[in-house]
C-alpha atoms as a PDB file:
ATOM      1  CA  UNK A   1    -108.008 157.603  -7.483  1.00  0.00           C
ATOM      2  CA  UNK A   2    -111.002 157.767  -5.015  1.00  0.00           C
ATOM      3  CA  UNK A   3    -112.878 155.652  -2.093  1.00  0.00           C
ATOM      4  CA  UNK A   4    -115.431 155.368  -4.955  1.00  0.00           C
ATOM      5  CA  UNK A   5    -113.780 153.906  -7.681  1.00  0.00           C
ATOM      6  CA  UNK A   6    -112.244 151.222  -5.008  1.00  0.00           C
ATOM      7  CA  UNK A   7    -115.677 150.316  -3.962  1.00  0.00           C
ATOM      8  CA  UNK A   8    -116.762 150.363  -7.352  1.00  0.00           C
ATOM      9  CA  UNK A   9    -114.091 148.132  -8.039  1.00  0.00           C
ATOM     10  CA  UNK A  10    -114.565 145.770  -5.205  1.00  0.00           C
ATOM     11  CA  UNK A  11    -118.962 146.153  -6.246  1.00  0.00           C
ATOM     12  CA  UNK A  12    -117.943 144.408  -9.695  1.00  0.00           C
ATOM     13  CA  UNK A  13    -114.983 141.665  -9.348  1.00  0.00           C
ATOM     14  CA  UNK A  14    -115.977 140.761  -5.685  1.00  0.00           C
ATOM     15  CA  UNK A  15    -119.799 139.190  -5.777  1.00  0.00           C
ATOM     16  CA  UNK A  16    -120.900 136.356  -3.482  1.00  0.00           C
ATOM     17  CA  UNK A  17    -120.070 133.850  -6.474  1.00  0.00           C
ATOM     18  CA  UNK A  18    -116.423 135.044  -6.376  1.00  0.00           C
ATOM     19  CA  UNK A  19    -116.057 135.031  -2.739  1.00  0.00           C
ATOM     20  CA  UNK A  20    -117.466 131.201  -2.842  1.00  0.00           C
ATOM     21  CA  UNK A  21    -114.917 130.363  -5.292  1.00  0.00           C
ATOM     22  CA  UNK A  22    -112.423 131.358  -3.342  1.00  0.00           C
ATOM     23  CA  UNK A  23    -113.511 130.251  -0.712  1.00  0.00           C
ATOM     24  CA  UNK A  24    -114.205 126.185  -1.381  1.00  0.00           C
ATOM     25  CA  UNK A  25    -110.940 126.679  -4.024  1.00  0.00           C
ATOM     26  CA  UNK A  26    -108.902 127.525  -0.632  1.00  0.00           C
ATOM     27  CA  UNK A  27    -110.796 124.113   1.771  1.00  0.00           C
ATOM     28  CA  UNK A  28    -109.633 121.980  -1.718  1.00  0.00           C
ATOM     29  CA  UNK A  29    -106.200 123.181  -1.910  1.00  0.00           C
ATOM     30  CA  UNK A  30    -105.681 122.963   1.874  1.00  0.00           C
ATOM     31  CA  UNK A  31    -107.030 119.024   1.295  1.00  0.00           C
ATOM     32  CA  UNK A  32    -105.211 118.875  -0.973  1.00  0.00           C
ATOM     33  CA  UNK A  33    -102.067 119.697   0.376  1.00  0.00           C
ATOM     34  CA  UNK A  34    -102.554 118.245   3.919  1.00  0.00           C
ATOM     35  CA  UNK A  35    -102.992 114.278   1.325  1.00  0.00           C
ATOM     36  CA  UNK A  36    -100.210 115.353  -0.810  1.00  0.00           C
ATOM     37  CA  UNK A  37     -98.405 118.289  -0.321  1.00  0.00           C
ATOM     38  CA  UNK A  38     -96.378 118.427   2.969  1.00  0.00           C
ATOM     39  CA  UNK A  39     -93.817 116.098   2.825  1.00  0.00           C
ATOM     40  CA  UNK A  40     -93.552 117.409  -0.801  1.00  0.00           C
ATOM     41  CA  UNK A  41     -90.164 118.033  -2.286  1.00  0.00           C
ATOM     42  CA  UNK A  42     -91.934 120.515  -4.927  1.00  0.00           C
ATOM     43  CA  UNK A  43     -91.511 123.949  -3.948  1.00  0.00           C
ATOM     44  CA  UNK A  44     -95.444 124.731  -4.581  1.00  0.00           C
ATOM     45  CA  UNK A  45     -96.957 121.559  -3.027  1.00  0.00           C
ATOM     46  CA  UNK A  46     -94.850 121.817   0.428  1.00  0.00           C
ATOM     47  CA  UNK A  47     -95.731 125.941   1.015  1.00  0.00           C
ATOM     48  CA  UNK A  48     -99.323 125.872   2.612  1.00  0.00           C
ATOM     49  CA  UNK A  49     -99.209 129.817   1.773  1.00  0.00           C
ATOM     50  CA  UNK A  50     -98.265 129.149  -1.470  1.00  0.00           C
ATOM     51  CA  UNK A  51    -101.394 126.659  -2.420  1.00  0.00           C
ATOM     52  CA  UNK A  52    -103.643 128.196  -0.645  1.00  0.00           C
ATOM     53  CA  UNK A  53    -102.751 131.382  -2.604  1.00  0.00           C
ATOM     54  CA  UNK A  54    -103.149 128.958  -6.191  1.00  0.00           C
ATOM     55  CA  UNK A  55    -106.539 127.730  -4.881  1.00  0.00           C
ATOM     56  CA  UNK A  56    -107.415 130.629  -4.255  1.00  0.00           C
ATOM     57  CA  UNK A  57    -106.268 131.944  -7.911  1.00  0.00           C
ATOM     58  CA  UNK A  58    -108.161 129.217  -9.701  1.00  0.00           C
ATOM     59  CA  UNK A  59    -111.642 129.239  -7.720  1.00  0.00           C
ATOM     60  CA  UNK A  60    -111.827 132.582  -8.087  1.00  0.00           C
ATOM     61  CA  UNK A  61    -111.199 131.722 -11.814  1.00  0.00           C
ATOM     62  CA  UNK A  62    -113.846 129.125 -11.764  1.00  0.00           C
ATOM     63  CA  UNK A  63    -117.289 130.337 -10.445  1.00  0.00           C
ATOM     64  CA  UNK A  64    -116.250 133.721 -12.700  1.00  0.00           C
ATOM     65  CA  UNK A  65    -115.912 131.384 -15.484  1.00  0.00           C
ATOM     66  CA  UNK A  66    -118.868 129.774 -14.911  1.00  0.00           C
ATOM     67  CA  UNK A  67    -121.242 132.262 -13.731  1.00  0.00           C
ATOM     68  CA  UNK A  68    -120.659 134.563 -16.684  1.00  0.00           C
ATOM     69  CA  UNK A  69    -120.977 131.639 -19.230  1.00  0.00           C
ATOM     70  CA  UNK A  70    -124.080 131.030 -17.583  1.00  0.00           C
ATOM     71  CA  UNK A  71    -125.087 134.315 -17.678  1.00  0.00           C
ATOM     72  CA  UNK A  72    -124.067 134.930 -21.508  1.00  0.00           C
ATOM     73  CA  UNK A  73    -125.965 131.678 -22.393  1.00  0.00           C
ATOM     74  CA  UNK A  74    -129.226 132.987 -20.186  1.00  0.00           C
ATOM     75  CA  UNK A  75    -129.004 136.415 -22.007  1.00  0.00           C
ATOM     76  CA  UNK A  76    -128.624 134.302 -25.827  1.00  0.00           C
ATOM     77  CA  UNK A  77    -131.783 132.203 -24.742  1.00  0.00           C
ATOM     78  CA  UNK A  78    -133.875 135.073 -23.677  1.00  0.00           C
ATOM     79  CA  UNK A  79    -133.190 136.934 -27.342  1.00  0.00           C
ATOM     80  CA  UNK A  80    -133.925 133.803 -29.267  1.00  0.00           C
END
């Protein structure tokens, strides 16, 4: 694999809405950690790095699903 393959991969899979989803997921997971996770006995809630990682993944997946479904609906409407 060369540099162009990596650039193509990141250009395809990390668009503006993906980055926005990651940022918002991290922000909301940090707020959740501040409110209820700091003093918890559970490993995922107690560890700030794990909760931020989890929030980033959930944000990426959520925004990817939202934008891909809206794009699909728009394409279906254009065909009809």
